[in-house]
Structures are given as structure tokens and as C-alpha cells.
C-alpha atoms as a PDB file:
ATOM      1  CA  MET A   1     -14.039   9.007  23.032  1.00  0.00           C
ATOM      2  CA  THR A   2     -12.667   4.878  23.994  1.00  0.00           C
ATOM      3  CA  ASN A   3      -9.233   4.265  23.340  1.00  0.00           C
ATOM      4  CA  TRP A   4     -10.133   2.573  20.174  1.00  0.00           C
ATOM      5  CA  GLN A   5     -11.850   5.624  18.831  1.00  0.00           C
ATOM      6  CA  PHE A   6      -8.732   7.861  19.836  1.00  0.00           C
ATOM      7  CA  THR A   7      -6.431   5.265  18.271  1.00  0.00           C
ATOM      8  CA  ALA A   8      -8.029   5.155  14.718  1.00  0.00           C
ATOM      9  CA  ALA A   9      -9.057   8.358  14.533  1.00  0.00           C
ATOM     10  CA  VAL A  10      -5.319   9.476  15.330  1.00  0.00           C
ATOM     11  CA  ALA A  11      -4.043   7.183  12.885  1.00  0.00           C
ATOM     12  CA  ALA A  12      -6.394   8.369  10.063  1.00  0.00           C
ATOM     13  CA  ALA A  13      -5.102  11.643  10.600  1.00  0.00           C
ATOM     14  CA  GLY A  14      -2.030  10.429  10.405  1.00  0.00           C
ATOM     15  CA  ALA A  15      -2.149   8.922   7.061  1.00  0.00           C
ATOM     16  CA  GLY A  16      -3.376  11.651   5.585  1.00  0.00           C
ATOM     17  CA  THR A  17      -0.595  14.173   7.438  1.00  0.00           C
ATOM     18  CA  GLY A  18       2.164  11.172   5.472  1.00  0.00           C
ATOM     19  CA  PHE A  19       1.008  11.684   2.521  1.00  0.00           C
ATOM     20  CA  LEU A  20       0.994  15.201   2.534  1.00  0.00           C
ATOM     21  CA  GLY A  21       4.687  15.417   3.928  1.00  0.00           C
ATOM     22  CA  ALA A  22       5.562  12.792   1.087  1.00  0.00           C
ATOM     23  CA  LEU A  23       4.477  14.741  -1.488  1.00  0.00           C
ATOM     24  CA  THR A  24       6.082  18.354   0.077  1.00  0.00           C
ATOM     25  CA  GLY A  25       9.111  17.159   2.005  1.00  0.00           C
ATOM     26  CA  LEU A  26       7.552  18.415   5.045  1.00  0.00           C
ATOM     27  CA  GLY A  27       7.625  15.348   7.260  1.00  0.00           C
ATOM     28  CA  GLY A  28       3.925  15.790   8.448  1.00  0.00           C
ATOM     29  CA  GLY A  29       5.186  17.584  12.078  1.00  0.00           C
ATOM     30  CA  PHE A  30       3.909  20.511  11.006  1.00  0.00           C
ATOM     31  CA  ILE A  31      -0.112  18.952  10.852  1.00  0.00           C
ATOM     32  CA  VAL A  32       0.737  16.594  14.402  1.00  0.00           C
ATOM     33  CA  VAL A  33       1.551  18.903  16.855  1.00  0.00           C
ATOM     34  CA  PRO A  34      -2.029  21.363  16.556  1.00  0.00           C
ATOM     35  CA  LEU A  35      -4.215  18.373  15.152  1.00  0.00           C
ATOM     36  CA  LEU A  36      -3.108  16.885  18.727  1.00  0.00           C
ATOM     37  CA  THR A  37      -3.012  19.377  20.852  1.00  0.00           C
ATOM     38  CA  LEU A  38      -6.371  21.429  19.096  1.00  0.00           C
ATOM     39  CA  GLY A  39      -8.275  18.804  17.833  1.00  0.00           C
ATOM     40  CA  PHE A  40      -7.772  15.923  20.737  1.00  0.00           C
ATOM     41  CA  GLY A  41      -6.470  17.747  23.722  1.00  0.00           C
ATOM     42  CA  VAL A  42      -3.118  16.379  24.556  1.00  0.00           C
ATOM     43  CA  ASP A  43      -0.530  17.960  25.876  1.00  0.00           C
ATOM     44  CA  LEU A  44       1.632  19.633  24.308  1.00  0.00           C
ATOM     45  CA  ARG A  45       4.925  18.153  25.519  1.00  0.00           C
ATOM     46  CA  TYR A  46       3.314  14.610  24.472  1.00  0.00           C
ATOM     47  CA  ALA A  47       2.090  16.226  20.878  1.00  0.00           C
ATOM     48  CA  ILE A  48       5.688  17.016  20.478  1.00  0.00           C
ATOM     49  CA  GLY A  49       7.009  13.947  20.993  1.00  0.00           C
ATOM     50  CA  ALA A  50       4.457  12.137  18.726  1.00  0.00           C
ATOM     51  CA  SER A  51       5.158  14.655  16.187  1.00  0.00           C
ATOM     52  CA  LEU A  52       9.022  13.778  16.168  1.00  0.00           C
ATOM     53  CA  ILE A  53       8.622  10.049  16.326  1.00  0.00           C
ATOM     54  CA  CYS A  54       5.994  10.995  12.948  1.00  0.00           C
ATOM     55  CA  ILE A  55       8.759  12.595  11.131  1.00  0.00           C
ATOM     56  CA  ILE A  56      10.846  10.229  11.759  1.00  0.00           C
ATOM     57  CA  ALA A  57       8.447   7.355  10.281  1.00  0.00           C
ATOM     58  CA  THR A  58       8.204   9.634   7.424  1.00  0.00           C
ATOM     59  CA  SER A  59      11.303  10.041   6.549  1.00  0.00           C
ATOM     60  CA  THR A  60      12.277   6.423   6.992  1.00  0.00           C
ATOM     61  CA  CYS A  61       9.705   5.546   4.276  1.00  0.00           C
ATOM     62  CA  SER A  62       9.954   8.234   1.729  1.00  0.00           C
ATOM     63  CA  ALA A  63      13.921   8.235   2.218  1.00  0.00           C
ATOM     64  CA  ALA A  64      14.731   4.694   0.269  1.00  0.00           C
ATOM     65  CA  ARG A  65      12.298   5.432  -2.435  1.00  0.00           C
ATOM     66  CA  PHE A  66      13.304   8.811  -3.405  1.00  0.00           C
ATOM     67  CA  VAL A  67      16.830   8.254  -3.264  1.00  0.00           C
ATOM     68  CA  ARG A  68      16.185   5.042  -5.834  1.00  0.00           C
ATOM     69  CA  ASP A  69      14.070   7.349  -8.035  1.00  0.00           C
ATOM     70  CA  GLY A  70      17.266   9.621  -8.079  1.00  0.00           C
ATOM     71  CA  LEU A  71      15.094  12.710  -6.598  1.00  0.00           C
ATOM     72  CA  SER A  72      17.553  12.872  -3.302  1.00  0.00           C
ATOM     73  CA  ASN A  73      20.896  14.530  -3.002  1.00  0.00           C
ATOM     74  CA  ILE A  74      22.521  12.701  -0.537  1.00  0.00           C
ATOM     75  CA  ARG A  75      25.663  14.650  -0.762  1.00  0.00           C
ATOM     76  CA  ILE A  76      23.866  18.276   0.062  1.00  0.00           C
ATOM     77  CA  GLY A  77      21.572  16.720   2.641  1.00  0.00           C
ATOM     78  CA  MET A  78      24.400  15.138   4.783  1.00  0.00           C
ATOM     79  CA  PHE A  79      26.270  18.426   4.422  1.00  0.00           C
ATOM     80  CA  LEU A  80      23.377  20.544   5.196  1.00  0.00           C
ATOM     81  CA  GLU A  81      22.253  17.923   8.239  1.00  0.00           C
ATOM     82  CA  VAL A  82      25.139  18.961  10.256  1.00  0.00           C
ATOM     83  CA  ALA A  83      23.703  22.329  10.883  1.00  0.00           C
ATOM     84  CA  THR A  84      20.004  20.968  11.277  1.00  0.00           C
ATOM     85  CA  SER A  85      21.387  18.257  14.299  1.00  0.00           C
ATOM     86  CA  ILE A  86      23.490  20.766  16.118  1.00  0.00           C
ATOM     87  CA  GLY A  87      20.183  23.351  15.954  1.00  0.00           C
ATOM     88  CA  ALA A  88      17.945  20.870  17.004  1.00  0.00           C
ATOM     89  CA  VAL A  89      19.568  19.493  20.024  1.00  0.00           C
ATOM     90  CA  LEU A  90      20.217  23.271  21.275  1.00  0.00           C
ATOM     91  CA  GLY A  91      16.611  24.164  20.316  1.00  0.00           C
ATOM     92  CA  ALA A  92      15.301  20.961  22.917  1.00  0.00           C
ATOM     93  CA  TRP A  93      17.616  22.027  25.414  1.00  0.00           C
ATOM     94  CA  ILE A  94      16.284  25.414  25.299  1.00  0.00           C
ATOM     95  CA  SER A  95      12.845  24.444  24.525  1.00  0.00           C
ATOM     96  CA  PRO A  96      12.181  25.038  28.768  1.00  0.00           C
ATOM     97  CA  ALA A  97      13.265  28.504  28.993  1.00  0.00           C
ATOM     98  CA  LEU A  98      11.453  30.043  25.800  1.00  0.00           C
ATOM     99  CA  PRO A  99       8.045  31.051  25.374  1.00  0.00           C
ATOM    100  CA  ALA A 100       6.256  29.009  22.721  1.00  0.00           C
ATOM    101  CA  SER A 101       3.557  31.111  21.884  1.00  0.00           C
ATOM    102  CA  ALA A 102       6.440  33.657  20.737  1.00  0.00           C
ATOM    103  CA  ILE A 103       8.127  31.352  18.554  1.00  0.00           C
ATOM    104  CA  SER A 104       4.568  30.218  17.379  1.00  0.00           C
ATOM    105  CA  GLY A 105       3.711  33.416  16.371  1.00  0.00           C
ATOM    106  CA  LEU A 106       6.752  34.816  14.663  1.00  0.00           C
ATOM    107  CA  PHE A 107       7.379  31.354  12.962  1.00  0.00           C
ATOM    108  CA  GLY A 108       3.849  31.930  11.311  1.00  0.00           C
ATOM    109  CA  ALA A 109       4.622  35.691   9.988  1.00  0.00           C
ATOM    110  CA  VAL A 110       7.845  33.892   8.160  1.00  0.00           C
ATOM    111  CA  LEU A 111       5.730  30.853   6.861  1.00  0.00           C
ATOM    112  CA  LEU A 112       2.866  33.455   5.350  1.00  0.00           C
ATOM    113  CA  TYR A 113       5.800  35.248   3.574  1.00  0.00           C
ATOM    114  CA  ALA A 114       7.721  32.240   2.495  1.00  0.00           C
ATOM    115  CA  ALA A 115       3.852  31.161   0.701  1.00  0.00           C
ATOM    116  CA  TYR A 116       3.443  34.369  -0.936  1.00  0.00           C
ATOM    117  CA  ARG A 117       7.552  34.122  -1.871  1.00  0.00           C
ATOM    118  CA  THR A 118       6.922  30.486  -3.241  1.00  0.00           C
ATOM    119  CA  THR A 119       3.881  31.476  -5.688  1.00  0.00           C
ATOM    120  CA  ARG A 120       5.938  34.082  -7.216  1.00  0.00           C
ATOM    121  CA  ARG A 121       8.550  31.665  -8.052  1.00  0.00           C
ATOM    122  CA  THR A 122       7.220  30.524 -11.527  1.00  0.00           C
ATOM    123  CA  ARG A 123      10.520  28.684 -12.777  1.00  0.00           C
ATOM    124  CA  ASP A 124      11.767  25.563 -11.597  1.00  0.00           C
ATOM    125  CA  ALA A 125      15.161  25.408 -12.075  1.00  0.00           C
ATOM    126  CA  ALA A 126      18.607  26.331 -10.154  1.00  0.00           C
ATOM    127  CA  ALA A 127      19.530  28.406 -13.434  1.00  0.00           C
ATOM    128  CA  VAL A 128      17.653  31.201 -12.442  1.00  0.00           C
ATOM    129  CA  LEU A 129      19.831  32.798  -9.945  1.00  0.00           C
ATOM    130  CA  ASP A 130      22.826  34.747 -11.883  1.00  0.00           C
ATOM    131  CA  GLY A 131      26.238  33.766 -10.818  1.00  0.00           C
ATOM    132  CA  SER A 132      27.943  31.015  -8.847  1.00  0.00           C
ATOM    133  CA  ASP A 133      28.986  30.025  -5.431  1.00  0.00           C
ATOM    134  CA  ARG A 134      32.650  28.780  -4.672  1.00  0.00           C
ATOM    135  CA  LEU A 135      31.547  26.934  -2.060  1.00  0.00           C
ATOM    136  CA  ALA A 136      29.021  24.708  -4.470  1.00  0.00           C
ATOM    137  CA  GLY A 137      32.143  24.202  -6.413  1.00  0.00           C
ATOM    138  CA  ILE A 138      34.219  22.951  -3.869  1.00  0.00           C
ATOM    139  CA  LEU A 139      31.810  20.734  -2.211  1.00  0.00           C
ATOM    140  CA  HIS A 140      30.785  19.329  -5.438  1.00  0.00           C
ATOM    141  CA  LEU A 141      26.824  20.769  -4.377  1.00  0.00           C
ATOM    142  CA  GLN A 142      25.124  19.874  -8.162  1.00  0.00           C
ATOM    143  CA  GLY A 143      23.419  16.598  -9.144  1.00  0.00           C
ATOM    144  CA  GLU A 144      20.501  15.406 -11.713  1.00  0.00           C
ATOM    145  CA  TYR A 145      17.296  14.002 -11.916  1.00  0.00           C
ATOM    146  CA  PRO A 146      15.011  12.322 -14.266  1.00  0.00           C
ATOM    147  CA  ALA A 147      12.105  13.962 -15.236  1.00  0.00           C
ATOM    148  CA  PRO A 148       9.286  13.594 -18.009  1.00  0.00           C
ATOM    149  CA  GLU A 149      11.271  15.718 -20.509  1.00  0.00           C
ATOM    150  CA  GLY A 150      14.960  14.344 -19.470  1.00  0.00           C
ATOM    151  CA  THR A 151      17.541  13.989 -16.887  1.00  0.00           C
ATOM    152  CA  VAL A 152      17.445  17.569 -15.585  1.00  0.00           C
ATOM    153  CA  GLU A 153      21.086  18.769 -14.335  1.00  0.00           C
ATOM    154  CA  TYR A 154      21.068  21.346 -11.689  1.00  0.00           C
ATOM    155  CA  ARG A 155      23.638  23.171  -8.998  1.00  0.00           C
ATOM    156  CA  ALA A 156      23.041  24.565  -5.289  1.00  0.00           C
ATOM    157  CA  TYR A 157      23.763  28.355  -4.782  1.00  0.00           C
ATOM    158  CA  ARG A 158      24.118  30.718  -1.921  1.00  0.00           C
ATOM    159  CA  VAL A 159      25.367  27.837   0.131  1.00  0.00           C
ATOM    160  CA  ALA A 160      26.233  29.612   3.160  1.00  0.00           C
ATOM    161  CA  THR A 161      23.055  31.101   3.397  1.00  0.00           C
ATOM    162  CA  GLY A 162      21.367  27.964   2.864  1.00  0.00           C
ATOM    163  CA  PHE A 163      23.248  26.090   6.064  1.00  0.00           C
ATOM    164  CA  ALA A 164      22.514  29.185   8.274  1.00  0.00           C
ATOM    165  CA  VAL A 165      18.536  28.418   7.594  1.00  0.00           C
ATOM    166  CA  MET A 166      19.118  24.602   8.070  1.00  0.00           C
ATOM    167  CA  GLY A 167      20.304  25.481  11.552  1.00  0.00           C
ATOM    168  CA  ILE A 168      17.333  27.377  12.116  1.00  0.00           C
ATOM    169  CA  ALA A 169      15.050  24.722  11.221  1.00  0.00           C
ATOM    170  CA  GLY A 170      16.841  22.382  13.425  1.00  0.00           C
ATOM    171  CA  ILE A 171      15.801  24.555  16.676  1.00  0.00           C
ATOM    172  CA  LEU A 172      12.601  25.198  15.652  1.00  0.00           C
ATOM    173  CA  THR A 173      12.349  20.892  15.350  1.00  0.00           C
ATOM    174  CA  GLY A 174      13.778  20.804  18.699  1.00  0.00           C
ATOM    175  CA  LEU A 175      11.515  23.885  20.203  1.00  0.00           C
ATOM    176  CA  LEU A 176       8.213  22.626  18.519  1.00  0.00           C
ATOM    177  CA  GLY A 177       8.738  19.305  17.321  1.00  0.00           C
ATOM    178  CA  ALA A 178       7.635  20.779  13.751  1.00  0.00           C
ATOM    179  CA  GLY A 179       8.916  23.233  11.460  1.00  0.00           C
ATOM    180  CA  SER A 180      12.036  21.525   9.980  1.00  0.00           C
ATOM    181  CA  GLY A 181      10.133  20.033   7.226  1.00  0.00           C
ATOM    182  CA  LEU A 182       9.064  23.475   6.329  1.00  0.00           C
ATOM    183  CA  VAL A 183      11.891  25.668   6.509  1.00  0.00           C
ATOM    184  CA  LYS A 184      14.144  22.925   5.094  1.00  0.00           C
ATOM    185  CA  VAL A 185      12.380  22.611   1.673  1.00  0.00           C
ATOM    186  CA  ILE A 186      12.382  26.902   1.836  1.00  0.00           C
ATOM    187  CA  ALA A 187      15.957  26.601   2.037  1.00  0.00           C
ATOM    188  CA  LEU A 188      16.687  24.305  -0.664  1.00  0.00           C
ATOM    189  CA  ASP A 189      14.380  25.481  -2.889  1.00  0.00           C
ATOM    190  CA  GLN A 190      14.188  29.448  -2.122  1.00  0.00           C
ATOM    191  CA  VAL A 191      17.529  29.966  -1.158  1.00  0.00           C
ATOM    192  CA  MET A 192      19.758  27.504  -2.682  1.00  0.00           C
ATOM    193  CA  GLY A 193      17.289  27.124  -5.725  1.00  0.00           C
ATOM    194  CA  LEU A 194      17.222  23.459  -6.131  1.00  0.00           C
ATOM    195  CA  PRO A 195      14.376  22.039  -8.201  1.00  0.00           C
ATOM    196  CA  PHE A 196      11.294  21.566  -6.266  1.00  0.00           C
ATOM    197  CA  LYS A 197      11.039  17.875  -6.403  1.00  0.00           C
ATOM    198  CA  VAL A 198      14.412  17.473  -5.304  1.00  0.00           C
ATOM    199  CA  ALA A 199      13.997  20.043  -2.402  1.00  0.00           C
ATOM    200  CA  ALA A 200      10.993  18.354  -1.554  1.00  0.00           C
ATOM    201  CA  ALA A 201      13.252  14.561  -1.896  1.00  0.00           C
ATOM    202  CA  THR A 202      16.124  15.547  -0.445  1.00  0.00           C
ATOM    203  CA  SER A 203      13.999  17.665   2.813  1.00  0.00           C
ATOM    204  CA  SER A 204      12.373  14.331   3.237  1.00  0.00           C
ATOM    205  CA  PHE A 205      15.454  12.291   3.647  1.00  0.00           C
ATOM    206  CA  MET A 206      16.894  15.188   6.249  1.00  0.00           C
ATOM    207  CA  ILE A 207      14.308  15.119   8.672  1.00  0.00           C
ATOM    208  CA  GLY A 208      14.367  11.987   9.861  1.00  0.00           C
ATOM    209  CA  VAL A 209      18.237  12.620  11.401  1.00  0.00           C
ATOM    210  CA  THR A 210      17.351  16.425  12.378  1.00  0.00           C
ATOM    211  CA  ALA A 211      14.046  14.678  14.640  1.00  0.00           C
ATOM    212  CA  ALA A 212      16.053  11.346  16.016  1.00  0.00           C
ATOM    213  CA  ALA A 213      18.706  14.123  16.910  1.00  0.00           C
ATOM    214  CA  ALA A 214      15.866  16.280  18.825  1.00  0.00           C
ATOM    215  CA  ALA A 215      13.927  12.908  20.121  1.00  0.00           C
ATOM    216  CA  GLY A 216      16.682  11.712  22.415  1.00  0.00           C
ATOM    217  CA  VAL A 217      16.342  14.668  24.154  1.00  0.00           C
ATOM    218  CA  HIS A 218      12.174  14.500  24.678  1.00  0.00           C
ATOM    219  CA  PHE A 219      12.701  10.947  24.928  1.00  0.00           C
ATOM    220  CA  GLY A 220      15.160  11.149  28.385  1.00  0.00           C
ATOM    221  CA  ARG A 221      12.436  13.473  29.670  1.00  0.00           C
ATOM    222  CA  GLY A 222       9.295  11.221  29.243  1.00  0.00           C
ATOM    223  CA  ASN A 223       7.810  13.384  26.612  1.00  0.00           C
ATOM    224  CA  ILE A 224       7.115  10.420  24.149  1.00  0.00           C
ATOM    225  CA  ASP A 225       3.975   8.590  24.724  1.00  0.00           C
ATOM    226  CA  PRO A 226       3.998   5.093  23.218  1.00  0.00           C
ATOM    227  CA  ALA A 227       0.194   5.129  23.483  1.00  0.00           C
ATOM    228  CA  ILE A 228       0.484   8.588  21.708  1.00  0.00           C
ATOM    229  CA  ALA A 229       3.059   8.165  18.994  1.00  0.00           C
ATOM    230  CA  MET A 230       2.304   4.630  18.144  1.00  0.00           C
ATOM    231  CA  PRO A 231      -0.702   4.874  15.957  1.00  0.00           C
ATOM    232  CA  VAL A 232       0.274   8.193  14.579  1.00  0.00           C
ATOM    233  CA  ALA A 233       3.352   6.649  13.031  1.00  0.00           C
ATOM    234  CA  LEU A 234       1.316   3.731  11.671  1.00  0.00           C
ATOM    235  CA  GLY A 235      -0.873   5.941  10.154  1.00  0.00           C
ATOM    236  CA  VAL A 236       1.807   8.085   8.779  1.00  0.00           C
ATOM    237  CA  LEU A 237       3.819   5.087   7.166  1.00  0.00           C
ATOM    238  CA  GLY A 238       0.820   4.199   4.949  1.00  0.00           C
ATOM    239  CA  GLY A 239       0.307   8.007   4.106  1.00  0.00           C
ATOM    240  CA  THR A 240       3.778   8.088   3.282  1.00  0.00           C
ATOM    241  CA  PHE A 241       3.940   4.676   0.947  1.00  0.00           C
ATOM    242  CA  LEU A 242       1.195   6.251  -1.525  1.00  0.00           C
ATOM    243  CA  GLY A 243       2.454   9.814  -1.366  1.00  0.00           C
ATOM    244  CA  THR A 244       6.420   8.304  -2.468  1.00  0.00           C
ATOM    245  CA  ARG A 245       4.644   6.456  -5.512  1.00  0.00           C
ATOM    246  CA  VAL A 246       2.695   9.666  -6.199  1.00  0.00           C
ATOM    247  CA  LEU A 247       4.974  12.337  -6.160  1.00  0.00           C
ATOM    248  CA  PRO A 248       7.608  11.531  -9.343  1.00  0.00           C
ATOM    249  CA  GLY A 249       4.372  11.704 -12.127  1.00  0.00           C
ATOM    250  CA  THR A 250       2.955  15.082 -10.155  1.00  0.00           C
ATOM    251  CA  ARG A 251       3.643  18.267 -11.759  1.00  0.00           C
ATOM    252  CA  PRO A 252       6.600  20.795 -10.234  1.00  0.00           C
ATOM    253  CA  HIS A 253       3.830  23.632 -10.711  1.00  0.00           C
ATOM    254  CA  CYS A 254       1.276  21.951  -8.782  1.00  0.00           C
ATOM    255  CA  LEU A 255       3.434  20.885  -5.736  1.00  0.00           C
ATOM    256  CA  ARG A 256       4.315  24.234  -5.996  1.00  0.00           C
ATOM    257  CA  MET A 257       0.995  25.911  -4.925  1.00  0.00           C
ATOM    258  CA  LEU A 258       0.098  22.779  -3.056  1.00  0.00           C
ATOM    259  CA  PHE A 259       3.035  23.306  -0.584  1.00  0.00           C
ATOM    260  CA  ALA A 260       2.381  27.640  -0.961  1.00  0.00           C
ATOM    261  CA  ALA A 261      -1.141  26.651   0.473  1.00  0.00           C
ATOM    262  CA  ILE A 262      -0.043  24.170   3.403  1.00  0.00           C
ATOM    263  CA  LEU A 263       2.441  27.233   3.779  1.00  0.00           C
ATOM    264  CA  ALA A 264      -0.627  29.904   4.397  1.00  0.00           C
ATOM    265  CA  MET A 265      -2.567  27.432   6.493  1.00  0.00           C
ATOM    266  CA  VAL A 266      -0.412  26.489   9.230  1.00  0.00           C
ATOM    267  CA  GLY A 267       1.612  29.812   9.183  1.00  0.00           C
ATOM    268  CA  ALA A 268      -2.014  31.807   9.658  1.00  0.00           C
ATOM    269  CA  GLN A 269      -2.564  28.579  12.500  1.00  0.00           C
ATOM    270  CA  MET A 270       0.081  29.381  14.069  1.00  0.00           C
ATOM    271  CA  ILE A 271      -0.675  32.824  14.442  1.00  0.00           C
ATOM    272  CA  TYR A 272      -3.978  32.145  16.146  1.00  0.00           C
ATOM    273  CA  THR A 273      -3.055  29.954  18.668  1.00  0.00           C
ATOM    274  CA  SER A 274      -0.242  31.917  19.129  1.00  0.00           C
ATOM    275  CA  ALA A 275      -2.904  34.949  19.945  1.00  0.00           C
ATOM    276  CA  VAL A 276      -4.895  32.660  22.309  1.00  0.00           C
ATOM    277  CA  GLY A 277      -2.413  31.086  23.862  1.00  0.00           C
ATOM    278  CA  HIS A 278      -2.925  27.451  23.119  1.00  0.00           C
ATOM    279  CA  LEU A 279       0.907  27.107  22.803  1.00  0.00           C
ATOM    280  CA  GLY A 280       2.206  28.233  25.993  1.00  0.00           C
END
């Protein structure tokens, strides 16, 4: 494969990644790392670096649109970003000392369980949770978003648990260059009880900050190769641009089923790569 063919193929794959990342709030890193390592034979370190750039590009492109449409909750996102940024720096710092294969296998098992839980949740409002969260009231972690049937109000629950899960999301970003968006959407949707569209849009807003925190460490180590990262980022920007325009009109149930399918696919793939040793 020539350099031009490699660039075109990676950019095309990045476009599809960006589209899915914008629809589900995952950022695209969940596909970029296995795509580059297994599909194009790229070294894992450079795949992680390119994935982080991909996540930043997705977040940059989608965040402005989702904020303007009233889907992202900035207050919730900035509060939880404290945990994810700290986790991202910690994960990037300790990544050389931990076996990525073991982390990948455990993460894959968690994703398969999350996929099952996602399909079991049929209602899309935070009201399905009983009681109230005192911390959410103190921090005013509530909001509203536009829907075809009118404005929908919601509030966050289990804030302390969600904050802890966000720290894990940041560690995964630093370790694997992926997983942050997956865990963030799970935390916002299933742990904190936010509507799925709000969870996806807020995750898209947050993932760029988390990835930037981890990217600084990986850049200092020379793990970001412009020849790989640039075509991925350009493709992702195009796909994300389309995805942000499709999300507002998509049914929450369809988004939830798409998210569950991606969780199951990525979870199975990460368990497989862990078993055969592709992730070291």
C-alpha cells in the first residue's frame, strides 16, 4: 500500500468513525485504535496517539453544535471533567507499567455487561430513578433539552458514583487512547440517569478535554505521528459534521440500540485482542 492509499483509507475509515462517534457520544477512539493496529499494522503507541487526536477533533466539531441545540449540559460536563482529566493524566503516566492486554480484557467484559444493561433500560427520563440526590441539588445539576413533544426537564442522580466512574473513564483514555466516551455515556445514562441524547451530547463535549490532558503526556513521549494522526483527524471531522446534524432528529430508542450494538462489538473485540495478545 502506497502512502497516498494509506492516507485515503485511513481518512475514509475516520469519516465513518466520526459519524458514529457524534451520534453516540463515543468520540471515535473506540474504533481508531483497533482499526489502526489490526487493520493497518500501526504500532499501538502511535495508534493511541492518533486516537487521542481523533477524539479532540470529534469533540471540537460536535460540541459547538450540541451546545447551540441545547443538548449538552455544560455545568454537569465541567464538574465531571475534573475527575476525567485527573484520571487521564494518571492513566497516561502509568501506562508503560501496566499490561494493556489485561486492561483490554477486563474493559471488554465490562462493555458486554453495559451493552446488556443498555438494552434493558427502555425509559429515557431521569425520573425513572427514585428519590433525589442532595449533591445534585447543591450543584444545580439539572437542565432541559428540546424534543419533538416539547421541552423535557431532567436532573442528575448518583452524582458521587458518576464522578468516580468518570475518573475510571479518564484512566482508560490515558492507558488505551479509547474507552473514555464509552464509559462517560454509560455513567451519564445508566448511573446518573440523564436522557440518552443529553448523555451523548455532554460526553461529546467532555471527551476533548480528557483526550487533551492525556495527549500532552503522549506527545512528550513522541507517540503522536502527524502522518497517521492527520488523515484520521480530517476524516473524523467530516463524519462528525454529518453526525451532529443527524442526532437531533433521531429517536432515542434507535440511538440506545446502536449504542448497545457498538458496546457489544467493541467489548467482544477487546476480549479477543486481549486473548491473542495483540495489545501487548
